[in-house]
Amino acid sequence: MAVPIAVLDCDLLLYGRGHRTLDRFKLEDVTDEYLVSTYGFPRQFIYYLVDLLGASLSRPTQRSRAISPETQILAALGFYTSGSFQTRVGDAIGISQASMSRCVANVTEALVERAPQFIHFPEDEATVQSLKDDFYGLAGMPGVLGVVDCTHVAIKAPNAEDLSYVNRKGLHSLNCLMVCDARGVLLSAETHWPGSLPDCTVLQQAALTSQFETQLHKDGWLLGDSSFFLRTWLMTPLHIPETPAEYRYNMAHSATHNVIERTFRTIRSRFRCLDGSKGTLQYSPEKSSHIILACCVLHNISLEHGLDVWSSPATGHMEQPEEEYEQMESMDSEACRVRQELLLTHFS
């Protein structure tokens, strides 16, 4: 005779059926210093997230008891900023590792749903001009609407036969295409590209290219490094500068483009689940992509709230396989003309 196997809820065993929500941890009972050290963010920021995501995290559930939005957010922040499901965070708020995993999934999806609200290019003329002015103030490069680059985030091997996620260093990764402004605010983030794709191919296939070629801002451009092709809307460095103007252009380009590298470093510093120090993201490529995008949303929200992540020290090792790319030579004569005009007008 078959014996039915009961599926036990660890939280249920620990805490019984006496409560409808798992409110075992109160923000009011701890200091801001504790919250920052354990969850990466201060109290008022966490309250803001509860207001922002509360409705999504309170959706009806078939489980006998739901975990409160506040607890779900704390669990997710603990994972994003530590890169671990280990008991330190789970014990602090009184939930099991299985529940931690569910909380991370719920909060991640709620943040991804709101990505268009927090990650986008400005549309009104005044904000666009302010964007250009901020970039010009960095190194004298005019007309810049954003700086673009790719970064790899290590993931577990999705399938032994699937080599599309194996990058040039032999690691499984997602290649993430991002654009930021002069303050490090992300204006675009595409986090789903397989690690085997070179940066130039990612950009060629990205929604970002379609945006700029069909509708966005004809009076400005992005800055990209030499892994990309020169385009009318994407200025790249000169491969072999010869004149003083060309050297000045390359120096201004490099100093301005460095903002995106700094942004990558600080995102990894704050969100340790992405930096490789705790190993790869142990999820499917799709779920890993969503976790990366959720961290990007939190990055922008934190800047919006005056939390300067650039003041945070870099920690851990950065798992970022750099491209060993060849110089991309553009065959676009119009793009070459635009860059030459920029050289003559502003750097001669």
Foldseek 3Di string as FASTA:
>chain_A
DDDDDDDDFPLCVVPNLPDQELQQDDLVVDAQVVLCVQLNGGDVLLVVLCVQQQVQQPPDDPDSHGYHLSLLNSLLSNCQQPVDLDCPSCVNSPHDSVVSVVSNLSLLVSLLVCLVVQAAFDDDPVVQVVLQVLLCVQQNQGQARWAKDKWWFFAPDQDPPDCQQQAPVRTGTWIKIWIATQLLQTNDIDGQHRRHDQTQVCCVPDVVVVCVVPPDDQRGAYEYEQSYEQDLRYDYQDPDDDDQLSVSVNVSSVSSNCSNVLSVQLLCQRGVSRFQQNHHHHDHSVSVSSSVSSSSSVVSVCVVVVNRSSVGDGDDHGPTDDDPHDGHYYPDVVSVVSVVCSSVPRRD
